[in-house]
Amino acid sequence: MRVIPLTVLAVLCAVPAFSQSLSPPPPPPGVEVPDWALPQSATHKQVPPPADFHRASVTAGGAIGQFEAQTDVGGPLAPGSASYDAAGKTYTINSAGYNIWYQRDEFHYLWKKMNGDVSLAASVNWPNLDDFHDRKVALVIRDSLDDDSRQIMAAQHGNGMVHISWRAEKTGQMTDVEYRSARQPRAGTAETGPQTFHPVRIGIEKKGDQFQLYVSWQGEPMHAEGEPVTFKTSGPFYVGVGFTSHLAATVLTAKVSDVVVENRAGSMR
């Protein structure tokens, strides 16, 4: 189920439609992608994976920046990687993965184990603005590294959409509430070719069992967007930053900077 709040309809109507006409790139030669993970049309509609389909997640040891380790959740067909530039406070994340959606996920995830309240925020930058529009960076809080784990996340897509979404039960389907920011077309063209897009800063705050989406759309102070979501957690959970190209075997790149990950609520900035 997807919900678009009435409070953001005016924003949605004011945003120019993003082109969905470009076909996604094909998988690399020699890589066989299952039918359910292939784009079904030029608009990149997908079908859910088979109910019993899983791949093991693969974790690389060693800390990276503020995080304990990094994992290819759901074993994407092409392995991901990440690096951290301490001077620029920027993570570069490379990932394939068909989606973070339906009842299982495929994405590259930088994480740490935490308990209690959490403030998690980051600025999202796309090195190649015109890469596949459905790629997304997500700030994810999840029970485990299993591909079908319960989770809640704030995400920004390559087309500018921001949402808060959650999987309430292990192996369950995702629910989301969507918001949008403007992506401006190149002068004199439709929504193709080089474009300008103000980097959006997103955040998710855990305060007890209440999870709140935070956004800075155009550089203004971070502010709550929409209503909080109730999501039950128990025991230690994984907190971190993930990226999926939304293409099962094609690696794309995202840059995530000025990450805040603090073990308390009220630290959004």
C-alpha atoms as a PDB file:
ATOM      1  CA  MET A   1       0.000   0.000   0.000  1.00  0.00           C
ATOM      2  CA  ARG A   2       1.222   3.494  -0.804  1.00  0.00           C
ATOM      3  CA  VAL A   3      -0.212   6.603   0.822  1.00  0.00           C
ATOM      4  CA  ILE A   4       0.237  10.161  -0.480  1.00  0.00           C
ATOM      5  CA  PRO A   5      -0.888  12.589   2.260  1.00  0.00           C
ATOM      6  CA  LEU A   6      -3.280  15.401   1.356  1.00  0.00           C
ATOM      7  CA  THR A   7      -0.813  17.825   2.900  1.00  0.00           C
ATOM      8  CA  VAL A   8       1.654  17.215   0.078  1.00  0.00           C
ATOM      9  CA  LEU A   9      -0.733  17.184  -2.896  1.00  0.00           C
ATOM     10  CA  ALA A  10       0.088  20.811  -3.675  1.00  0.00           C
ATOM     11  CA  VAL A  11       3.782  19.942  -3.715  1.00  0.00           C
ATOM     12  CA  LEU A  12       3.152  16.987  -6.013  1.00  0.00           C
ATOM     13  CA  CYS A  13       1.128  19.088  -8.423  1.00  0.00           C
ATOM     14  CA  ALA A  14       3.844  21.746  -8.560  1.00  0.00           C
ATOM     15  CA  VAL A  15       6.628  19.320  -9.477  1.00  0.00           C
ATOM     16  CA  PRO A  16       7.351  18.778 -13.181  1.00  0.00           C
ATOM     17  CA  ALA A  17       6.753  15.218 -14.272  1.00  0.00           C
ATOM     18  CA  PHE A  18       9.950  13.217 -14.468  1.00  0.00           C
ATOM     19  CA  SER A  19      10.538  11.312 -17.691  1.00  0.00           C
ATOM     20  CA  GLN A  20       9.885   7.586 -17.418  1.00  0.00           C
ATOM     21  CA  SER A  21      10.531   6.945 -21.100  1.00  0.00           C
ATOM     22  CA  LEU A  22      14.185   5.979 -20.947  1.00  0.00           C
ATOM     23  CA  SER A  23      14.796   2.227 -20.844  1.00  0.00           C
ATOM     24  CA  PRO A  24      17.081   1.020 -18.042  1.00  0.00           C
ATOM     25  CA  PRO A  25      20.509  -0.292 -19.072  1.00  0.00           C
ATOM     26  CA  PRO A  26      20.795  -4.039 -19.778  1.00  0.00           C
ATOM     27  CA  PRO A  27      22.569  -6.372 -17.327  1.00  0.00           C
ATOM     28  CA  PRO A  28      26.276  -7.035 -17.898  1.00  0.00           C
ATOM     29  CA  PRO A  29      27.123  -9.789 -20.416  1.00  0.00           C
ATOM     30  CA  GLY A  30      27.021 -13.275 -18.967  1.00  0.00           C
ATOM     31  CA  VAL A  31      24.899 -12.336 -15.934  1.00  0.00           C
ATOM     32  CA  GLU A  32      21.521 -14.048 -15.851  1.00  0.00           C
ATOM     33  CA  VAL A  33      18.851 -11.985 -14.126  1.00  0.00           C
ATOM     34  CA  PRO A  34      15.648 -13.743 -13.010  1.00  0.00           C
ATOM     35  CA  ASP A  35      12.502 -12.669 -14.866  1.00  0.00           C
ATOM     36  CA  TRP A  36      10.906 -11.179 -11.753  1.00  0.00           C
ATOM     37  CA  ALA A  37      13.878  -8.818 -11.276  1.00  0.00           C
ATOM     38  CA  LEU A  38      13.864  -7.462 -14.832  1.00  0.00           C
ATOM     39  CA  PRO A  39      12.127  -4.206 -15.692  1.00  0.00           C
ATOM     40  CA  GLN A  40       8.786  -5.143 -17.197  1.00  0.00           C
ATOM     41  CA  SER A  41       8.469  -1.968 -19.296  1.00  0.00           C
ATOM     42  CA  ALA A  42      10.147   1.363 -19.988  1.00  0.00           C
ATOM     43  CA  THR A  43       8.647   2.617 -16.725  1.00  0.00           C
ATOM     44  CA  HIS A  44      10.582  -0.091 -14.863  1.00  0.00           C
ATOM     45  CA  LYS A  45       7.626  -1.828 -13.289  1.00  0.00           C
ATOM     46  CA  GLN A  46       8.645  -4.957 -11.457  1.00  0.00           C
ATOM     47  CA  VAL A  47       6.820  -7.911  -9.984  1.00  0.00           C
ATOM     48  CA  PRO A  48       7.456  -9.297  -6.501  1.00  0.00           C
ATOM     49  CA  PRO A  49      10.031 -12.077  -6.195  1.00  0.00           C
ATOM     50  CA  PRO A  50       8.720 -15.607  -5.575  1.00  0.00           C
ATOM     51  CA  ALA A  51       7.468 -15.963  -2.002  1.00  0.00           C
ATOM     52  CA  ASP A  52      10.159 -18.515  -1.108  1.00  0.00           C
ATOM     53  CA  PHE A  53      13.096 -16.793  -2.875  1.00  0.00           C
ATOM     54  CA  HIS A  54      16.057 -15.717  -0.742  1.00  0.00           C
ATOM     55  CA  ARG A  55      19.771 -15.074  -1.145  1.00  0.00           C
ATOM     56  CA  ALA A  56      22.237 -14.972   1.708  1.00  0.00           C
ATOM     57  CA  SER A  57      23.605 -11.581   2.719  1.00  0.00           C
ATOM     58  CA  VAL A  58      27.399 -11.134   2.532  1.00  0.00           C
ATOM     59  CA  THR A  59      29.218  -9.042   5.156  1.00  0.00           C
ATOM     60  CA  ALA A  60      32.671  -7.517   4.802  1.00  0.00           C
ATOM     61  CA  GLY A  61      34.431  -7.083   8.136  1.00  0.00           C
ATOM     62  CA  GLY A  62      36.045  -3.912   9.361  1.00  0.00           C
ATOM     63  CA  ALA A  63      34.765  -0.494  10.329  1.00  0.00           C
ATOM     64  CA  ILE A  64      34.039   2.169   7.725  1.00  0.00           C
ATOM     65  CA  GLY A  65      33.620   5.738   8.989  1.00  0.00           C
ATOM     66  CA  GLN A  66      30.975   5.754  11.715  1.00  0.00           C
ATOM     67  CA  PHE A  67      29.838   2.207  10.938  1.00  0.00           C
ATOM     68  CA  GLU A  68      30.973  -1.222  12.125  1.00  0.00           C
ATOM     69  CA  ALA A  69      30.820  -3.068   8.807  1.00  0.00           C
ATOM     70  CA  GLN A  70      29.180  -3.228   5.375  1.00  0.00           C
ATOM     71  CA  THR A  71      26.896  -5.897   3.937  1.00  0.00           C
ATOM     72  CA  ASP A  72      25.435  -6.843   0.570  1.00  0.00           C
ATOM     73  CA  VAL A  73      21.945  -7.525   1.890  1.00  0.00           C
ATOM     74  CA  GLY A  74      20.170 -10.164  -0.182  1.00  0.00           C
ATOM     75  CA  GLY A  75      23.311 -11.095  -2.130  1.00  0.00           C
ATOM     76  CA  PRO A  76      22.949  -8.839  -5.216  1.00  0.00           C
ATOM     77  CA  LEU A  77      24.150 -10.424  -8.482  1.00  0.00           C
ATOM     78  CA  ALA A  78      26.988  -7.882  -8.672  1.00  0.00           C
ATOM     79  CA  PRO A  79      28.829  -7.216  -5.383  1.00  0.00           C
ATOM     80  CA  GLY A  80      28.775  -3.741  -3.879  1.00  0.00           C
ATOM     81  CA  SER A  81      31.482  -1.728  -2.146  1.00  0.00           C
ATOM     82  CA  ALA A  82      31.952   1.491  -0.205  1.00  0.00           C
ATOM     83  CA  SER A  83      34.666   3.917   0.825  1.00  0.00           C
ATOM     84  CA  TYR A  84      34.869   6.848   3.235  1.00  0.00           C
ATOM     85  CA  ASP A  85      36.583  10.205   2.727  1.00  0.00           C
ATOM     86  CA  ALA A  86      37.179  11.509   6.252  1.00  0.00           C
ATOM     87  CA  ALA A  87      38.255  14.958   5.053  1.00  0.00           C
ATOM     88  CA  GLY A  88      35.054  15.437   3.052  1.00  0.00           C
ATOM     89  CA  LYS A  89      32.901  13.451   5.502  1.00  0.00           C
ATOM     90  CA  THR A  90      31.528  11.572   2.500  1.00  0.00           C
ATOM     91  CA  TYR A  91      30.715   7.914   1.865  1.00  0.00           C
ATOM     92  CA  THR A  92      30.799   6.627  -1.707  1.00  0.00           C
ATOM     93  CA  ILE A  93      28.534   3.587  -2.060  1.00  0.00           C
ATOM     94  CA  ASN A  94      28.501   1.353  -5.132  1.00  0.00           C
ATOM     95  CA  SER A  95      25.630  -1.101  -5.414  1.00  0.00           C
ATOM     96  CA  ALA A  96      23.529  -3.213  -7.723  1.00  0.00           C
ATOM     97  CA  GLY A  97      20.325  -4.787  -6.348  1.00  0.00           C
ATOM     98  CA  TYR A  98      16.853  -5.039  -7.778  1.00  0.00           C
ATOM     99  CA  ASN A  99      15.097  -3.123  -4.983  1.00  0.00           C
ATOM    100  CA  ILE A 100      14.477  -2.460  -1.308  1.00  0.00           C
ATOM    101  CA  TRP A 101      10.827  -3.374  -1.517  1.00  0.00           C
ATOM    102  CA  TYR A 102       8.224  -6.157  -1.612  1.00  0.00           C
ATOM    103  CA  GLN A 103       9.051  -8.946   0.880  1.00  0.00           C
ATOM    104  CA  ARG A 104      12.852  -8.983   0.409  1.00  0.00           C
ATOM    105  CA  ASP A 105      15.690  -6.563  -0.345  1.00  0.00           C
ATOM    106  CA  GLU A 106      18.933  -6.290  -2.311  1.00  0.00           C
ATOM    107  CA  PHE A 107      21.222  -3.377  -1.432  1.00  0.00           C
ATOM    108  CA  HIS A 108      24.627  -2.409  -0.051  1.00  0.00           C
ATOM    109  CA  TYR A 109      24.358  -1.448   3.621  1.00  0.00           C
ATOM    110  CA  LEU A 110      26.753   0.340   6.007  1.00  0.00           C
ATOM    111  CA  TRP A 111      25.611  -0.368   9.561  1.00  0.00           C
ATOM    112  CA  LYS A 112      26.194  -0.415  13.308  1.00  0.00           C
ATOM    113  CA  LYS A 113      24.303  -2.203  16.090  1.00  0.00           C
ATOM    114  CA  MET A 114      22.340   0.057  18.433  1.00  0.00           C
ATOM    115  CA  ASN A 115      19.693   0.085  21.159  1.00  0.00           C
ATOM    116  CA  GLY A 116      17.295   2.766  22.351  1.00  0.00           C
ATOM    117  CA  ASP A 117      16.548   6.051  20.599  1.00  0.00           C
ATOM    118  CA  VAL A 118      18.317   7.059  17.381  1.00  0.00           C
ATOM    119  CA  SER A 119      18.884  10.148  15.226  1.00  0.00           C
ATOM    120  CA  LEU A 120      20.063   9.243  11.705  1.00  0.00           C
ATOM    121  CA  ALA A 121      20.508  11.822   8.934  1.00  0.00           C
ATOM    122  CA  ALA A 122      22.511  12.332   5.732  1.00  0.00           C
ATOM    123  CA  SER A 123      22.785  14.475   2.615  1.00  0.00           C
ATOM    124  CA  VAL A 124      22.351  12.617  -0.679  1.00  0.00           C
ATOM    125  CA  ASN A 125      24.363  13.492  -3.780  1.00  0.00           C
ATOM    126  CA  TRP A 126      24.184  11.752  -7.175  1.00  0.00           C
ATOM    127  CA  PRO A 127      27.513  11.739  -9.060  1.00  0.00           C
ATOM    128  CA  ASN A 128      25.613  11.106 -12.298  1.00  0.00           C
ATOM    129  CA  LEU A 129      22.231  12.804 -12.068  1.00  0.00           C
ATOM    130  CA  ASP A 130      20.879  10.998 -15.115  1.00  0.00           C
ATOM    131  CA  ASP A 131      21.561   7.472 -13.885  1.00  0.00           C
ATOM    132  CA  PHE A 132      18.514   5.253 -13.533  1.00  0.00           C
ATOM    133  CA  HIS A 133      15.691   7.245 -11.925  1.00  0.00           C
ATOM    134  CA  ASP A 134      14.524   4.599  -9.436  1.00  0.00           C
ATOM    135  CA  ARG A 135      17.849   4.132  -7.640  1.00  0.00           C
ATOM    136  CA  LYS A 136      17.618   5.098  -3.994  1.00  0.00           C
ATOM    137  CA  VAL A 137      19.634   5.925  -0.901  1.00  0.00           C
ATOM    138  CA  ALA A 138      17.973   4.776   2.319  1.00  0.00           C
ATOM    139  CA  LEU A 139      18.545   5.420   6.025  1.00  0.00           C
ATOM    140  CA  VAL A 140      17.565   2.018   7.384  1.00  0.00           C
ATOM    141  CA  ILE A 141      16.779   0.629  10.832  1.00  0.00           C
ATOM    142  CA  ARG A 142      16.190  -3.141  10.690  1.00  0.00           C
ATOM    143  CA  ASP A 143      16.024  -6.191  12.919  1.00  0.00           C
ATOM    144  CA  SER A 144      18.618  -8.272  11.067  1.00  0.00           C
ATOM    145  CA  LEU A 145      20.734  -8.564   7.916  1.00  0.00           C
ATOM    146  CA  ASP A 146      18.340 -11.143   6.422  1.00  0.00           C
ATOM    147  CA  ASP A 147      16.918 -10.086   3.074  1.00  0.00           C
ATOM    148  CA  ASP A 148      13.342 -10.220   4.443  1.00  0.00           C
ATOM    149  CA  SER A 149      13.958  -8.483   7.777  1.00  0.00           C
ATOM    150  CA  ARG A 150      11.486  -6.180   9.449  1.00  0.00           C
ATOM    151  CA  GLN A 151      12.649  -2.616   8.829  1.00  0.00           C
ATOM    152  CA  ILE A 152      11.746   1.055   8.670  1.00  0.00           C
ATOM    153  CA  MET A 153      13.579   3.584   6.523  1.00  0.00           C
ATOM    154  CA  ALA A 154      13.704   7.078   5.049  1.00  0.00           C
ATOM    155  CA  ALA A 155      14.785   7.117   1.392  1.00  0.00           C
ATOM    156  CA  GLN A 156      15.481   9.433  -1.502  1.00  0.00           C
ATOM    157  CA  HIS A 157      15.073   8.207  -5.090  1.00  0.00           C
ATOM    158  CA  GLY A 158      17.072   9.413  -8.054  1.00  0.00           C
ATOM    159  CA  ASN A 159      13.964  11.176  -9.398  1.00  0.00           C
ATOM    160  CA  GLY A 160      13.682  13.280  -6.228  1.00  0.00           C
ATOM    161  CA  MET A 161      10.986  11.375  -4.372  1.00  0.00           C
ATOM    162  CA  VAL A 162      11.449  11.061  -0.610  1.00  0.00           C
ATOM    163  CA  HIS A 163       9.500   8.551   1.443  1.00  0.00           C
ATOM    164  CA  ILE A 164       9.271   6.843   4.793  1.00  0.00           C
ATOM    165  CA  SER A 165       8.490   3.140   4.454  1.00  0.00           C
ATOM    166  CA  TRP A 166       8.359   0.027   6.595  1.00  0.00           C
ATOM    167  CA  ARG A 167       7.986  -3.750   6.616  1.00  0.00           C
ATOM    168  CA  ALA A 168       5.981  -4.479   9.736  1.00  0.00           C
ATOM    169  CA  GLU A 169       6.509  -8.259   9.709  1.00  0.00           C
ATOM    170  CA  LYS A 170       9.360 -10.487   8.536  1.00  0.00           C
ATOM    171  CA  THR A 171       8.612 -11.583   4.920  1.00  0.00           C
ATOM    172  CA  GLY A 172       5.810  -8.997   4.784  1.00  0.00           C
ATOM    173  CA  GLN A 173       5.177  -6.332   2.153  1.00  0.00           C
ATOM    174  CA  MET A 174       6.341  -2.727   2.438  1.00  0.00           C
ATOM    175  CA  THR A 175       4.131   0.299   3.122  1.00  0.00           C
ATOM    176  CA  ASP A 176       5.172   3.867   2.379  1.00  0.00           C
ATOM    177  CA  VAL A 177       4.220   7.524   2.579  1.00  0.00           C
ATOM    178  CA  GLU A 178       5.665   9.536  -0.319  1.00  0.00           C
ATOM    179  CA  TYR A 179       6.805  13.126  -0.758  1.00  0.00           C
ATOM    180  CA  ARG A 180       8.510  14.834  -3.677  1.00  0.00           C
ATOM    181  CA  SER A 181      11.071  17.527  -4.391  1.00  0.00           C
ATOM    182  CA  ALA A 182      11.501  19.405  -7.648  1.00  0.00           C
ATOM    183  CA  ARG A 183      13.874  18.197 -10.320  1.00  0.00           C
ATOM    184  CA  GLN A 184      14.234  20.902 -12.940  1.00  0.00           C
ATOM    185  CA  PRO A 185      14.577  20.045 -16.660  1.00  0.00           C
ATOM    186  CA  ARG A 186      17.308  21.502 -18.798  1.00  0.00           C
ATOM    187  CA  ALA A 187      16.106  24.712 -20.457  1.00  0.00           C
ATOM    188  CA  GLY A 188      14.315  24.095 -23.762  1.00  0.00           C
ATOM    189  CA  THR A 189      14.023  20.326 -23.293  1.00  0.00           C
ATOM    190  CA  ALA A 190      11.798  17.717 -21.758  1.00  0.00           C
ATOM    191  CA  GLU A 191      13.012  15.758 -18.710  1.00  0.00           C
ATOM    192  CA  THR A 192      16.124  14.372 -20.415  1.00  0.00           C
ATOM    193  CA  GLY A 193      19.794  15.284 -20.566  1.00  0.00           C
ATOM    194  CA  PRO A 194      21.762  17.202 -17.908  1.00  0.00           C
ATOM    195  CA  GLN A 195      19.518  18.573 -15.163  1.00  0.00           C
ATOM    196  CA  THR A 196      19.809  20.479 -11.921  1.00  0.00           C
ATOM    197  CA  PHE A 197      18.631  18.983  -8.655  1.00  0.00           C
ATOM    198  CA  HIS A 198      19.221  20.509  -5.253  1.00  0.00           C
ATOM    199  CA  PRO A 199      20.666  17.868  -2.901  1.00  0.00           C
ATOM    200  CA  VAL A 200      18.123  16.845  -0.298  1.00  0.00           C
ATOM    201  CA  ARG A 201      19.022  16.063   3.300  1.00  0.00           C
ATOM    202  CA  ILE A 202      16.899  13.369   4.893  1.00  0.00           C
ATOM    203  CA  GLY A 203      16.670  11.911   8.363  1.00  0.00           C
ATOM    204  CA  ILE A 204      14.780   9.428  10.475  1.00  0.00           C
ATOM    205  CA  GLU A 205      14.384   9.715  14.239  1.00  0.00           C
ATOM    206  CA  LYS A 206      13.478   6.857  16.571  1.00  0.00           C
ATOM    207  CA  LYS A 207      11.880   7.964  19.825  1.00  0.00           C
ATOM    208  CA  GLY A 208      10.564   4.882  21.577  1.00  0.00           C
ATOM    209  CA  ASP A 209       8.309   3.211  19.019  1.00  0.00           C
ATOM    210  CA  GLN A 210       7.660   6.456  17.126  1.00  0.00           C
ATOM    211  CA  PHE A 211       9.634   7.063  13.920  1.00  0.00           C
ATOM    212  CA  GLN A 212       9.629  10.497  12.311  1.00  0.00           C
ATOM    213  CA  LEU A 213      10.803  11.480   8.819  1.00  0.00           C
ATOM    214  CA  TYR A 214      12.884  14.675   8.656  1.00  0.00           C
ATOM    215  CA  VAL A 215      13.728  16.607   5.475  1.00  0.00           C
ATOM    216  CA  SER A 216      15.599  19.691   4.325  1.00  0.00           C
ATOM    217  CA  TRP A 217      14.341  20.292   0.786  1.00  0.00           C
ATOM    218  CA  GLN A 218      16.358  23.372  -0.175  1.00  0.00           C
ATOM    219  CA  GLY A 219      18.950  23.870   2.539  1.00  0.00           C
ATOM    220  CA  GLU A 220      16.527  25.066   5.221  1.00  0.00           C
ATOM    221  CA  PRO A 221      16.858  23.599   8.747  1.00  0.00           C
ATOM    222  CA  MET A 222      15.831  19.966   9.060  1.00  0.00           C
ATOM    223  CA  HIS A 223      12.140  19.694   9.931  1.00  0.00           C
ATOM    224  CA  ALA A 224       9.610  16.946  10.545  1.00  0.00           C
ATOM    225  CA  GLU A 225       7.654  15.946   7.432  1.00  0.00           C
ATOM    226  CA  GLY A 226       4.288  14.261   7.925  1.00  0.00           C
ATOM    227  CA  GLU A 227       3.134  12.297  10.932  1.00  0.00           C
ATOM    228  CA  PRO A 228       5.274   9.823  12.922  1.00  0.00           C
ATOM    229  CA  VAL A 229       4.945   6.104  12.214  1.00  0.00           C
ATOM    230  CA  THR A 230       4.520   3.565  15.017  1.00  0.00           C
ATOM    231  CA  PHE A 231       6.948   0.671  14.549  1.00  0.00           C
ATOM    232  CA  LYS A 232       7.806  -1.789  17.309  1.00  0.00           C
ATOM    233  CA  THR A 233      11.433  -2.747  17.933  1.00  0.00           C
ATOM    234  CA  SER A 234      13.018  -5.157  20.376  1.00  0.00           C
ATOM    235  CA  GLY A 235      16.600  -5.843  21.321  1.00  0.00           C
ATOM    236  CA  PRO A 236      19.627  -4.539  19.401  1.00  0.00           C
ATOM    237  CA  PHE A 237      18.910  -3.478  15.821  1.00  0.00           C
ATOM    238  CA  TYR A 238      20.945  -2.436  12.787  1.00  0.00           C
ATOM    239  CA  VAL A 239      21.187   1.281  11.957  1.00  0.00           C
ATOM    240  CA  GLY A 240      22.830   2.634   8.832  1.00  0.00           C
ATOM    241  CA  VAL A 241      22.913   3.879   5.273  1.00  0.00           C
ATOM    242  CA  GLY A 242      22.070   1.752   2.231  1.00  0.00           C
ATOM    243  CA  PHE A 243      21.943   2.154  -1.539  1.00  0.00           C
ATOM    244  CA  THR A 244      20.402   0.128  -4.352  1.00  0.00           C
ATOM    245  CA  SER A 245      20.688   0.818  -8.069  1.00  0.00           C
ATOM    246  CA  HIS A 246      17.209  -0.748  -8.570  1.00  0.00           C
ATOM    247  CA  LEU A 247      18.860  -2.777 -11.355  1.00  0.00           C
ATOM    248  CA  ALA A 248      19.529  -6.375 -10.377  1.00  0.00           C
ATOM    249  CA  ALA A 249      23.037  -6.724 -11.845  1.00  0.00           C
ATOM    250  CA  THR A 250      24.090  -3.150 -12.686  1.00  0.00           C
ATOM    251  CA  VAL A 251      26.271  -1.250 -10.204  1.00  0.00           C
ATOM    252  CA  LEU A 252      25.617   2.484  -9.826  1.00  0.00           C
ATOM    253  CA  THR A 253      27.090   4.994  -7.365  1.00  0.00           C
ATOM    254  CA  ALA A 254      25.718   7.345  -4.713  1.00  0.00           C
ATOM    255  CA  LYS A 255      27.505   9.752  -2.394  1.00  0.00           C
ATOM    256  CA  VAL A 256      26.240  10.319   1.144  1.00  0.00           C
ATOM    257  CA  SER A 257      27.742  13.077   3.271  1.00  0.00           C
ATOM    258  CA  ASP A 258      27.600  14.687   6.718  1.00  0.00           C
ATOM    259  CA  VAL A 259      26.069  11.610   8.306  1.00  0.00           C
ATOM    260  CA  VAL A 260      24.589  11.976  11.779  1.00  0.00           C
ATOM    261  CA  VAL A 261      24.151   8.702  13.689  1.00  0.00           C
ATOM    262  CA  GLU A 262      23.543   9.288  17.383  1.00  0.00           C
ATOM    263  CA  ASN A 263      22.103   7.100  20.122  1.00  0.00           C
ATOM    264  CA  ARG A 264      19.417   9.592  21.144  1.00  0.00           C
ATOM    265  CA  ALA A 265      16.411  11.404  19.739  1.00  0.00           C
ATOM    266  CA  GLY A 266      16.410  15.159  19.219  1.00  0.00           C
ATOM    267  CA  SER A 267      19.770  15.323  17.427  1.00  0.00           C
ATOM    268  CA  MET A 268      18.525  15.892  13.885  1.00  0.00           C
ATOM    269  CA  ARG A 269      20.649  18.369  11.975  1.00  0.00           C
END
